Amino acid sequence: MEKNEILEALSALAQETRLDVFRLLVRAGDKGMLAGEIAQALECRQNTMSTHLAIMNRAGLVTNSREGRSIRYAADMEGMSALLTYLMEDCCDGRPELCSPVLNVLAMAKETEGAV
């Protein structure tokens, strides 16, 4: 990812509702949720939620697919993985023990994802 893409993703997540949306969609898994379901779950007006989802889509944090007149959203785990990789790639400075707890959690999550 380029630096401007990283900044866009971080900016998108630096807002309370959008952070809640991302976490909700991570819990929903590959199935994702319809936009209306997301708005209802987070007690947010649908037009406001549409704006949040558009920002997150442009930032590479969610994917969408049309289902008739509705749009289903899912967390873009590849986008989040690229963001985390960018943030973590230079963190250890020759001391892998500093990053190993985070990397272990990510590795376990990836294994769990592959087992489903």
C-alpha atoms as a PDB file:
ATOM      1  CA  MET A   1       0.000   0.000   0.000  1.00  0.00           C
ATOM      2  CA  GLU A   2       1.097   3.528  -0.688  1.00  0.00           C
ATOM      3  CA  LYS A   3       1.394   6.046   2.114  1.00  0.00           C
ATOM      4  CA  ASN A   4      -1.665   8.022   0.936  1.00  0.00           C
ATOM      5  CA  GLU A   5      -3.752   4.801   0.992  1.00  0.00           C
ATOM      6  CA  ILE A   6      -2.552   4.063   4.525  1.00  0.00           C
ATOM      7  CA  LEU A   7      -3.491   7.556   5.635  1.00  0.00           C
ATOM      8  CA  GLU A   8      -6.933   7.232   4.053  1.00  0.00           C
ATOM      9  CA  ALA A   9      -7.552   3.913   5.856  1.00  0.00           C
ATOM     10  CA  LEU A  10      -6.357   5.248   9.197  1.00  0.00           C
ATOM     11  CA  SER A  11      -8.455   8.373   8.736  1.00  0.00           C
ATOM     12  CA  ALA A  12     -11.515   6.252   7.998  1.00  0.00           C
ATOM     13  CA  LEU A  13     -10.990   4.222  11.169  1.00  0.00           C
ATOM     14  CA  ALA A  14     -10.363   7.348  13.265  1.00  0.00           C
ATOM     15  CA  GLN A  15     -14.096   7.975  13.555  1.00  0.00           C
ATOM     16  CA  GLU A  16     -16.218   6.233  16.195  1.00  0.00           C
ATOM     17  CA  THR A  17     -19.040   4.958  13.996  1.00  0.00           C
ATOM     18  CA  ARG A  18     -16.729   3.716  11.255  1.00  0.00           C
ATOM     19  CA  LEU A  19     -14.554   1.898  13.777  1.00  0.00           C
ATOM     20  CA  ASP A  20     -17.717   0.271  15.185  1.00  0.00           C
ATOM     21  CA  VAL A  21     -18.804  -0.682  11.659  1.00  0.00           C
ATOM     22  CA  PHE A  22     -15.475  -2.320  10.891  1.00  0.00           C
ATOM     23  CA  ARG A  23     -15.503  -4.308  14.121  1.00  0.00           C
ATOM     24  CA  LEU A  24     -19.120  -5.365  13.505  1.00  0.00           C
ATOM     25  CA  LEU A  25     -18.272  -6.540   9.990  1.00  0.00           C
ATOM     26  CA  VAL A  26     -15.227  -8.458  11.218  1.00  0.00           C
ATOM     27  CA  ARG A  27     -17.533 -10.317  13.626  1.00  0.00           C
ATOM     28  CA  ALA A  28     -20.026 -10.955  10.778  1.00  0.00           C
ATOM     29  CA  GLY A  29     -17.323 -12.766   8.803  1.00  0.00           C
ATOM     30  CA  ASP A  30     -17.398 -13.465   5.075  1.00  0.00           C
ATOM     31  CA  LYS A  31     -21.195 -13.294   4.996  1.00  0.00           C
ATOM     32  CA  GLY A  32     -21.107  -9.609   5.900  1.00  0.00           C
ATOM     33  CA  MET A  33     -24.270  -7.604   6.497  1.00  0.00           C
ATOM     34  CA  LEU A  34     -26.751  -5.567   4.531  1.00  0.00           C
ATOM     35  CA  ALA A  35     -26.336  -1.808   4.855  1.00  0.00           C
ATOM     36  CA  GLY A  36     -29.713  -1.517   6.603  1.00  0.00           C
ATOM     37  CA  GLU A  37     -28.734  -4.217   9.098  1.00  0.00           C
ATOM     38  CA  ILE A  38     -25.531  -2.350   9.916  1.00  0.00           C
ATOM     39  CA  ALA A  39     -27.425   0.917  10.413  1.00  0.00           C
ATOM     40  CA  GLN A  40     -29.979  -0.803  12.643  1.00  0.00           C
ATOM     41  CA  ALA A  41     -27.337  -2.635  14.710  1.00  0.00           C
ATOM     42  CA  LEU A  42     -25.476   0.617  15.366  1.00  0.00           C
ATOM     43  CA  GLU A  43     -28.615   2.762  15.716  1.00  0.00           C
ATOM     44  CA  CYS A  44     -27.562   5.066  12.892  1.00  0.00           C
ATOM     45  CA  ARG A  45     -29.677   6.690  10.182  1.00  0.00           C
ATOM     46  CA  GLN A  46     -29.369   4.830   6.884  1.00  0.00           C
ATOM     47  CA  ASN A  47     -28.232   7.853   4.859  1.00  0.00           C
ATOM     48  CA  THR A  48     -25.546   8.618   7.443  1.00  0.00           C
ATOM     49  CA  MET A  49     -24.468   4.965   7.421  1.00  0.00           C
ATOM     50  CA  SER A  50     -24.264   5.027   3.617  1.00  0.00           C
ATOM     51  CA  THR A  51     -21.800   7.903   3.852  1.00  0.00           C
ATOM     52  CA  HIS A  52     -19.687   6.045   6.412  1.00  0.00           C
ATOM     53  CA  LEU A  53     -19.694   2.872   4.295  1.00  0.00           C
ATOM     54  CA  ALA A  54     -18.678   4.798   1.164  1.00  0.00           C
ATOM     55  CA  ILE A  55     -15.725   6.315   3.019  1.00  0.00           C
ATOM     56  CA  MET A  56     -14.678   2.889   4.275  1.00  0.00           C
ATOM     57  CA  ASN A  57     -15.039   1.366   0.814  1.00  0.00           C
ATOM     58  CA  ARG A  58     -12.813   4.037  -0.739  1.00  0.00           C
ATOM     59  CA  ALA A  59     -10.290   3.412   2.049  1.00  0.00           C
ATOM     60  CA  GLY A  60     -10.129  -0.311   1.220  1.00  0.00           C
ATOM     61  CA  LEU A  61     -11.628  -1.422   4.523  1.00  0.00           C
ATOM     62  CA  VAL A  62     -14.899  -2.900   3.262  1.00  0.00           C
ATOM     63  CA  THR A  63     -16.147  -4.614   0.129  1.00  0.00           C
ATOM     64  CA  ASN A  64     -19.672  -4.478  -1.191  1.00  0.00           C
ATOM     65  CA  SER A  65     -21.945  -6.467  -3.442  1.00  0.00           C
ATOM     66  CA  ARG A  66     -25.421  -5.692  -4.691  1.00  0.00           C
ATOM     67  CA  GLU A  67     -28.300  -7.979  -3.694  1.00  0.00           C
ATOM     68  CA  GLY A  68     -31.335  -6.715  -5.545  1.00  0.00           C
ATOM     69  CA  ARG A  69     -32.012  -3.259  -4.166  1.00  0.00           C
ATOM     70  CA  SER A  70     -29.734  -3.761  -1.151  1.00  0.00           C
ATOM     71  CA  ILE A  71     -25.985  -3.673  -0.740  1.00  0.00           C
ATOM     72  CA  ARG A  72     -24.135  -6.206   1.384  1.00  0.00           C
ATOM     73  CA  TYR A  73     -20.901  -5.102   3.041  1.00  0.00           C
ATOM     74  CA  ALA A  74     -18.078  -7.201   4.455  1.00  0.00           C
ATOM     75  CA  ALA A  75     -14.791  -6.328   6.113  1.00  0.00           C
ATOM     76  CA  ASP A  76     -11.974  -6.302   3.565  1.00  0.00           C
ATOM     77  CA  MET A  77      -9.499  -8.416   5.464  1.00  0.00           C
ATOM     78  CA  GLU A  78      -6.910  -8.174   2.673  1.00  0.00           C
ATOM     79  CA  GLY A  79      -7.054  -4.384   2.963  1.00  0.00           C
ATOM     80  CA  MET A  80      -6.702  -4.560   6.742  1.00  0.00           C
ATOM     81  CA  SER A  81      -3.856  -7.053   6.397  1.00  0.00           C
ATOM     82  CA  ALA A  82      -2.041  -4.687   4.021  1.00  0.00           C
ATOM     83  CA  LEU A  83      -2.565  -1.821   6.483  1.00  0.00           C
ATOM     84  CA  LEU A  84      -1.221  -3.837   9.409  1.00  0.00           C
ATOM     85  CA  THR A  85       1.705  -5.100   7.357  1.00  0.00           C
ATOM     86  CA  TYR A  86       2.638  -1.546   6.428  1.00  0.00           C
ATOM     87  CA  LEU A  87       2.441  -0.430  10.046  1.00  0.00           C
ATOM     88  CA  MET A  88       4.404  -3.391  11.380  1.00  0.00           C
ATOM     89  CA  GLU A  89       7.039  -3.994   8.699  1.00  0.00           C
ATOM     90  CA  ASP A  90       9.707  -1.790  10.260  1.00  0.00           C
ATOM     91  CA  CYS A  91       8.656  -1.970  13.891  1.00  0.00           C
ATOM     92  CA  CYS A  92      11.128  -4.465  15.239  1.00  0.00           C
ATOM     93  CA  ASP A  93      14.420  -2.804  14.301  1.00  0.00           C
ATOM     94  CA  GLY A  94      16.264  -6.058  14.804  1.00  0.00           C
ATOM     95  CA  ARG A  95      14.257  -6.981  17.918  1.00  0.00           C
ATOM     96  CA  PRO A  96      11.542  -9.426  16.772  1.00  0.00           C
ATOM     97  CA  GLU A  97      10.390 -10.004  20.356  1.00  0.00           C
ATOM     98  CA  LEU A  98       8.770  -6.548  20.249  1.00  0.00           C
ATOM     99  CA  CYS A  99       6.424  -7.528  17.412  1.00  0.00           C
ATOM    100  CA  SER A 100       5.978 -11.226  18.082  1.00  0.00           C
ATOM    101  CA  PRO A 101       2.839 -10.896  20.292  1.00  0.00           C
ATOM    102  CA  VAL A 102       0.994  -8.998  17.562  1.00  0.00           C
ATOM    103  CA  LEU A 103       2.293 -11.225  14.783  1.00  0.00           C
ATOM    104  CA  ASN A 104       1.284 -14.350  16.730  1.00  0.00           C
ATOM    105  CA  VAL A 105      -2.290 -13.050  17.089  1.00  0.00           C
ATOM    106  CA  LEU A 106      -2.426 -12.266  13.371  1.00  0.00           C
ATOM    107  CA  ALA A 107      -1.044 -15.696  12.488  1.00  0.00           C
ATOM    108  CA  MET A 108      -3.625 -17.413  14.701  1.00  0.00           C
ATOM    109  CA  ALA A 109      -6.414 -15.374  13.101  1.00  0.00           C
ATOM    110  CA  LYS A 110      -5.204 -16.350   9.628  1.00  0.00           C
ATOM    111  CA  GLU A 111      -5.085 -20.034  10.627  1.00  0.00           C
ATOM    112  CA  THR A 112      -8.604 -19.830  12.029  1.00  0.00           C
ATOM    113  CA  GLU A 113      -9.806 -18.123   8.837  1.00  0.00           C
ATOM    114  CA  GLY A 114      -8.290 -20.888   6.726  1.00  0.00           C
ATOM    115  CA  ALA A 115      -9.918 -23.592   8.867  1.00  0.00           C
ATOM    116  CA  VAL A 116     -13.445 -22.232   8.360  1.00  0.00           C
END
